[in-house]
PDB file of all heavy atoms in Angstrom:
ATOM      1  N   ALA A   1       4.396 -15.469  17.307  1.00  0.00           N
ATOM      2  CA  ALA A   1       3.804 -15.264  18.635  1.00  0.00           C
ATOM      3  C   ALA A   1       2.414 -14.762  18.482  1.00  0.00           C
ATOM      4  O   ALA A   1       2.144 -13.537  18.522  1.00  0.00           O
ATOM      5  CB  ALA A   1       4.694 -14.274  19.396  1.00  0.00           C
ATOM      6  N   ASP A   2       1.471 -15.667  18.201  1.00  0.00           N
ATOM      7  CA  ASP A   2       0.121 -15.259  17.762  1.00  0.00           C
ATOM      8  C   ASP A   2      -0.803 -14.810  18.900  1.00  0.00           C
ATOM      9  O   ASP A   2      -1.926 -14.429  18.642  1.00  0.00           O
ATOM     10  CB  ASP A   2      -0.552 -16.410  16.983  1.00  0.00           C
ATOM     11  CG  ASP A   2      -0.416 -17.744  17.632  1.00  0.00           C
ATOM     12  OD1 ASP A   2      -0.125 -17.802  18.861  1.00  0.00           O
ATOM     13  OD2 ASP A   2      -0.580 -18.793  16.935  1.00  0.00           O
ATOM     14  N   SER A   3      -0.264 -14.776  20.136  1.00  0.00           N
ATOM     15  CA  SER A   3      -1.109 -14.192  21.223  1.00  0.00           C
ATOM     16  C   SER A   3      -1.109 -12.649  21.145  1.00  0.00           C
ATOM     17  O   SER A   3      -1.935 -11.986  21.772  1.00  0.00           O
ATOM     18  CB  SER A   3      -0.526 -14.624  22.547  1.00  0.00           C
ATOM     19  OG  SER A   3      -0.685 -15.997  22.765  1.00  0.00           O
ATOM     20  N   ILE A   4      -0.118 -12.124  20.400  1.00  0.00           N
ATOM     21  CA  ILE A   4      -0.037 -10.649  20.245  1.00  0.00           C
ATOM     22  C   ILE A   4      -0.501 -10.279  18.843  1.00  0.00           C
ATOM     23  O   ILE A   4       0.053 -10.698  17.838  1.00  0.00           O
ATOM     24  CB  ILE A   4       1.388 -10.165  20.512  1.00  0.00           C
ATOM     25  CG1 ILE A   4       1.849 -10.515  21.918  1.00  0.00           C
ATOM     26  CG2 ILE A   4       1.506  -8.645  20.258  1.00  0.00           C
ATOM     27  CD1 ILE A   4       3.309 -10.133  22.197  1.00  0.00           C
ATOM     28  N   LYS A   5      -1.523  -9.460  18.761  1.00  0.00           N
ATOM     29  CA  LYS A   5      -2.089  -8.993  17.455  1.00  0.00           C
ATOM     30  C   LYS A   5      -1.692  -7.548  17.254  1.00  0.00           C
ATOM     31  O   LYS A   5      -2.006  -6.699  18.153  1.00  0.00           O
ATOM     32  CB  LYS A   5      -3.597  -9.137  17.456  1.00  0.00           C
ATOM     33  CG  LYS A   5      -4.131 -10.539  17.801  1.00  0.00           C
ATOM     34  CD  LYS A   5      -3.689 -11.566  16.774  1.00  0.00           C
ATOM     35  CE  LYS A   5      -4.332 -12.921  17.050  1.00  0.00           C
ATOM     36  NZ  LYS A   5      -3.807 -13.982  16.148  1.00  0.00           N
ATOM     37  N   LEU A   6      -1.039  -7.241  16.182  1.00  0.00           N
ATOM     38  CA  LEU A   6      -0.653  -5.870  15.851  1.00  0.00           C
ATOM     39  C   LEU A   6      -1.669  -5.288  14.876  1.00  0.00           C
ATOM     40  O   LEU A   6      -2.492  -5.994  14.303  1.00  0.00           O
ATOM     41  CB  LEU A   6       0.768  -5.862  15.315  1.00  0.00           C
ATOM     42  CG  LEU A   6       1.829  -6.411  16.234  1.00  0.00           C
ATOM     43  CD1 LEU A   6       3.230  -6.380  15.545  1.00  0.00           C
ATOM     44  CD2 LEU A   6       1.866  -5.679  17.564  1.00  0.00           C
ATOM     45  N   GLU A   7      -1.514  -3.986  14.695  1.00  0.00           N
ATOM     46  CA  GLU A   7      -2.494  -3.248  13.814  1.00  0.00           C
ATOM     47  C   GLU A   7      -2.477  -3.750  12.355  1.00  0.00           C
ATOM     48  O   GLU A   7      -1.404  -4.053  11.827  1.00  0.00           O
ATOM     49  CB  GLU A   7      -2.152  -1.771  13.887  1.00  0.00           C
ATOM     50  CG  GLU A   7      -3.151  -0.869  13.170  1.00  0.00           C
ATOM     51  CD  GLU A   7      -2.765   0.602  13.270  1.00  0.00           C
ATOM     52  OE1 GLU A   7      -1.840   0.932  14.048  1.00  0.00           O
ATOM     53  OE2 GLU A   7      -3.391   1.394  12.552  1.00  0.00           O
ATOM     54  N   GLY A   8      -3.679  -3.778  11.787  1.00  0.00           N
ATOM     55  CA  GLY A   8      -3.780  -4.180  10.397  1.00  0.00           C
ATOM     56  C   GLY A   8      -3.249  -3.107   9.455  1.00  0.00           C
ATOM     57  O   GLY A   8      -3.155  -1.919   9.790  1.00  0.00           O
ATOM     58  N   GLU A   9      -2.977  -3.490   8.226  1.00  0.00           N
ATOM     59  CA  GLU A   9      -2.440  -2.539   7.231  1.00  0.00           C
ATOM     60  C   GLU A   9      -2.860  -3.053   5.829  1.00  0.00           C
ATOM     61  O   GLU A   9      -3.381  -4.142   5.663  1.00  0.00           O
ATOM     62  CB  GLU A   9      -0.948  -2.414   7.351  1.00  0.00           C
ATOM     63  CG  GLU A   9      -0.170  -3.762   7.240  1.00  0.00           C
ATOM     64  CD  GLU A   9       1.258  -3.633   7.650  1.00  0.00           C
ATOM     65  OE1 GLU A   9       1.522  -3.006   8.699  1.00  0.00           O
ATOM     66  OE2 GLU A   9       2.115  -4.130   6.901  1.00  0.00           O
ATOM     67  N   GLN A  10      -2.556  -2.224   4.838  1.00  0.00           N
ATOM     68  CA  GLN A  10      -2.886  -2.557   3.451  1.00  0.00           C
ATOM     69  C   GLN A  10      -1.684  -2.340   2.570  1.00  0.00           C
ATOM     70  O   GLN A  10      -0.859  -1.453   2.798  1.00  0.00           O
ATOM     71  CB  GLN A  10      -4.072  -1.723   2.947  1.00  0.00           C
ATOM     72  CG  GLN A  10      -5.382  -1.966   3.616  1.00  0.00           C
ATOM     73  CD  GLN A  10      -5.509  -1.197   4.928  1.00  0.00           C
ATOM     74  OE1 GLN A  10      -5.105  -0.065   5.039  1.00  0.00           O
ATOM     75  NE2 GLN A  10      -6.060  -1.855   5.938  1.00  0.00           N
ATOM     76  N   TYR A  11      -1.592  -3.161   1.521  1.00  0.00           N
ATOM     77  CA  TYR A  11      -0.540  -2.997   0.531  1.00  0.00           C
ATOM     78  C   TYR A  11      -1.080  -2.252  -0.700  1.00  0.00           C
ATOM     79  O   TYR A  11      -2.209  -2.419  -1.125  1.00  0.00           O
ATOM     80  CB  TYR A  11      -0.097  -4.405   0.033  1.00  0.00           C
ATOM     81  CG  TYR A  11       0.731  -5.170   0.990  1.00  0.00           C
ATOM     82  CD1 TYR A  11       0.882  -6.560   0.803  1.00  0.00           C
ATOM     83  CD2 TYR A  11       1.383  -4.617   2.079  1.00  0.00           C
ATOM     84  CE1 TYR A  11       1.645  -7.341   1.618  1.00  0.00           C
ATOM     85  CE2 TYR A  11       2.137  -5.403   2.937  1.00  0.00           C
ATOM     86  CZ  TYR A  11       2.288  -6.756   2.739  1.00  0.00           C
ATOM     87  OH  TYR A  11       3.033  -7.524   3.563  1.00  0.00           O
ATOM     88  N   ALA A  12      -0.153  -1.431  -1.269  1.00  0.00           N
ATOM     89  CA  ALA A  12      -0.457  -0.730  -2.494  1.00  0.00           C
ATOM     90  C   ALA A  12       0.856  -0.560  -3.256  1.00  0.00           C
ATOM     91  O   ALA A  12       1.926  -0.805  -2.755  1.00  0.00           O
ATOM     92  CB  ALA A  12      -1.111   0.600  -2.203  1.00  0.00           C
ATOM     93  N   VAL A  13       0.760  -0.103  -4.483  1.00  0.00           N
ATOM     94  CA  VAL A  13       1.946   0.204  -5.295  1.00  0.00           C
ATOM     95  C   VAL A  13       2.296   1.662  -5.114  1.00  0.00           C
ATOM     96  O   VAL A  13       1.427   2.531  -5.115  1.00  0.00           O
ATOM     97  CB  VAL A  13       1.713  -0.070  -6.775  1.00  0.00           C
ATOM     98  CG1 VAL A  13       2.992   0.010  -7.590  1.00  0.00           C
ATOM     99  CG2 VAL A  13       1.029  -1.460  -6.982  1.00  0.00           C
ATOM    100  N   GLY A  14       3.601   1.964  -4.917  1.00  0.00           N
ATOM    101  CA  GLY A  14       4.042   3.312  -4.691  1.00  0.00           C
ATOM    102  C   GLY A  14       4.675   3.922  -5.900  1.00  0.00           C
ATOM    103  O   GLY A  14       5.510   3.281  -6.567  1.00  0.00           O
ATOM    104  N   PHE A  15       4.222   5.149  -6.315  1.00  0.00           N
ATOM    105  CA  PHE A  15       4.791   5.844  -7.470  1.00  0.00           C
ATOM    106  C   PHE A  15       5.315   7.224  -7.046  1.00  0.00           C
ATOM    107  O   PHE A  15       4.891   7.770  -6.019  1.00  0.00           O
ATOM    108  CB  PHE A  15       3.692   6.031  -8.528  1.00  0.00           C
ATOM    109  CG  PHE A  15       3.110   4.785  -9.056  1.00  0.00           C
ATOM    110  CD1 PHE A  15       1.967   4.243  -8.509  1.00  0.00           C
ATOM    111  CD2 PHE A  15       3.748   4.116 -10.113  1.00  0.00           C
ATOM    112  CE1 PHE A  15       1.415   3.039  -8.985  1.00  0.00           C
ATOM    113  CE2 PHE A  15       3.191   2.936 -10.626  1.00  0.00           C
ATOM    114  CZ  PHE A  15       2.018   2.380 -10.008  1.00  0.00           C
ATOM    115  N   LYS A  16       6.167   7.780  -7.855  1.00  0.00           N
ATOM    116  CA  LYS A  16       6.638   9.150  -7.614  1.00  0.00           C
ATOM    117  C   LYS A  16       5.462  10.087  -7.618  1.00  0.00           C
ATOM    118  O   LYS A  16       4.482   9.911  -8.387  1.00  0.00           O
ATOM    119  CB  LYS A  16       7.639   9.522  -8.731  1.00  0.00           C
ATOM    120  CG  LYS A  16       8.431  10.779  -8.424  1.00  0.00           C
ATOM    121  CD  LYS A  16       9.540  10.983  -9.452  1.00  0.00           C
ATOM    122  CE  LYS A  16      10.336  12.237  -9.146  1.00  0.00           C
ATOM    123  NZ  LYS A  16      11.471  12.372 -10.153  1.00  0.00           N
ATOM    124  N   LYS A  17       5.494  11.111  -6.831  1.00  0.00           N
ATOM    125  CA  LYS A  17       4.429  12.084  -6.762  1.00  0.00           C
ATOM    126  C   LYS A  17       4.144  12.674  -8.155  1.00  0.00           C
ATOM    127  O   LYS A  17       5.044  13.090  -8.848  1.00  0.00           O
ATOM    128  CB  LYS A  17       4.802  13.233  -5.782  1.00  0.00           C
ATOM    129  CG  LYS A  17       4.572  12.914  -4.307  1.00  0.00           C
ATOM    130  CD  LYS A  17       3.073  12.830  -4.010  1.00  0.00           C
ATOM    131  CE  LYS A  17       2.818  12.682  -2.525  1.00  0.00           C
ATOM    132  NZ  LYS A  17       1.342  12.592  -2.250  1.00  0.00           N
ATOM    133  N   GLY A  18       2.845  12.635  -8.507  1.00  0.00           N
ATOM    134  CA  GLY A  18       2.435  13.240  -9.793  1.00  0.00           C
ATOM    135  C   GLY A  18       2.582  12.272 -10.962  1.00  0.00           C
ATOM    136  O   GLY A  18       2.266  12.671 -12.096  1.00  0.00           O
ATOM    137  N   SER A  19       2.948  11.019 -10.731  1.00  0.00           N
ATOM    138  CA  SER A  19       3.125  10.063 -11.802  1.00  0.00           C
ATOM    139  C   SER A  19       1.752   9.758 -12.464  1.00  0.00           C
ATOM    140  O   SER A  19       0.789   9.518 -11.805  1.00  0.00           O
ATOM    141  CB  SER A  19       3.769   8.791 -11.304  1.00  0.00           C
ATOM    142  OG  SER A  19       3.793   7.802 -12.360  1.00  0.00           O
ATOM    143  N   ASP A  20       1.762   9.688 -13.824  1.00  0.00           N
ATOM    144  CA  ASP A  20       0.547   9.324 -14.518  1.00  0.00           C
ATOM    145  C   ASP A  20       0.312   7.790 -14.498  1.00  0.00           C
ATOM    146  O   ASP A  20      -0.723   7.289 -14.933  1.00  0.00           O
ATOM    147  CB  ASP A  20       0.505   9.842 -15.943  1.00  0.00           C
ATOM    148  CG  ASP A  20       1.669   9.297 -16.803  1.00  0.00           C
ATOM    149  OD1 ASP A  20       2.507   8.513 -16.251  1.00  0.00           O
ATOM    150  OD2 ASP A  20       1.724   9.648 -17.993  1.00  0.00           O
ATOM    151  N   LEU A  21       1.290   7.050 -13.971  1.00  0.00           N
ATOM    152  CA  LEU A  21       1.161   5.614 -13.907  1.00  0.00           C
ATOM    153  C   LEU A  21       0.117   5.161 -12.867  1.00  0.00           C
ATOM    154  O   LEU A  21      -0.464   4.099 -12.958  1.00  0.00           O
ATOM    155  CB  LEU A  21       2.493   4.963 -13.579  1.00  0.00           C
ATOM    156  CG  LEU A  21       3.508   4.896 -14.731  1.00  0.00           C
ATOM    157  CD1 LEU A  21       4.884   4.435 -14.217  1.00  0.00           C
ATOM    158  CD2 LEU A  21       3.061   3.982 -15.822  1.00  0.00           C
ATOM    159  N   THR A  22      -0.046   5.978 -11.840  1.00  0.00           N
ATOM    160  CA  THR A  22      -0.986   5.596 -10.767  1.00  0.00           C
ATOM    161  C   THR A  22      -2.382   5.297 -11.278  1.00  0.00           C
ATOM    162  O   THR A  22      -2.937   4.250 -10.999  1.00  0.00           O
ATOM    163  CB  THR A  22      -1.004   6.729  -9.668  1.00  0.00           C
ATOM    164  OG1 THR A  22       0.323   7.111  -9.324  1.00  0.00           O
ATOM    165  CG2 THR A  22      -1.708   6.214  -8.430  1.00  0.00           C
ATOM    166  N   ALA A  23      -2.930   6.233 -11.996  1.00  0.00           N
ATOM    167  CA  ALA A  23      -4.281   6.060 -12.527  1.00  0.00           C
ATOM    168  C   ALA A  23      -4.333   4.893 -13.522  1.00  0.00           C
ATOM    169  O   ALA A  23      -5.340   4.159 -13.518  1.00  0.00           O
ATOM    170  CB  ALA A  23      -4.771   7.363 -13.201  1.00  0.00           C
ATOM    171  N   LYS A  24      -3.311   4.720 -14.290  1.00  0.00           N
ATOM    172  CA  LYS A  24      -3.282   3.613 -15.272  1.00  0.00           C
ATOM    173  C   LYS A  24      -3.287   2.247 -14.589  1.00  0.00           C
ATOM    174  O   LYS A  24      -3.982   1.321 -14.996  1.00  0.00           O
ATOM    175  CB  LYS A  24      -2.067   3.749 -16.202  1.00  0.00           C
ATOM    176  CG  LYS A  24      -2.117   4.976 -17.105  1.00  0.00           C
ATOM    177  CD  LYS A  24      -0.862   5.090 -17.977  1.00  0.00           C
ATOM    178  CE  LYS A  24      -0.900   6.295 -18.840  1.00  0.00           C
ATOM    179  NZ  LYS A  24       0.357   6.409 -19.655  1.00  0.00           N
ATOM    180  N   VAL A  25      -2.468   2.146 -13.548  1.00  0.00           N
ATOM    181  CA  VAL A  25      -2.404   0.875 -12.822  1.00  0.00           C
ATOM    182  C   VAL A  25      -3.706   0.604 -12.103  1.00  0.00           C
ATOM    183  O   VAL A  25      -4.196  -0.506 -12.026  1.00  0.00           O
ATOM    184  CB  VAL A  25      -1.217   0.914 -11.821  1.00  0.00           C
ATOM    185  CG1 VAL A  25      -1.286  -0.272 -10.816  1.00  0.00           C
ATOM    186  CG2 VAL A  25       0.105   0.804 -12.569  1.00  0.00           C
ATOM    187  N   ASN A  26      -4.359   1.665 -11.528  1.00  0.00           N
ATOM    188  CA  ASN A  26      -5.601   1.497 -10.860  1.00  0.00           C
ATOM    189  C   ASN A  26      -6.667   0.941 -11.818  1.00  0.00           C
ATOM    190  O   ASN A  26      -7.474   0.097 -11.468  1.00  0.00           O
ATOM    191  CB  ASN A  26      -6.080   2.833 -10.290  1.00  0.00           C
ATOM    192  CG  ASN A  26      -5.419   3.231  -8.993  1.00  0.00           C
ATOM    193  OD1 ASN A  26      -4.837   2.370  -8.354  1.00  0.00           O
ATOM    194  ND2 ASN A  26      -5.543   4.481  -8.598  1.00  0.00           N
TER     195      ASN A  26
END
């Protein structure tokens, strides 16, 4: 139903809080 436009968003990878993987993946 393309007459209705909803808010935009972004995708990212989610890690456990404090994970050192976040910086490595970035």
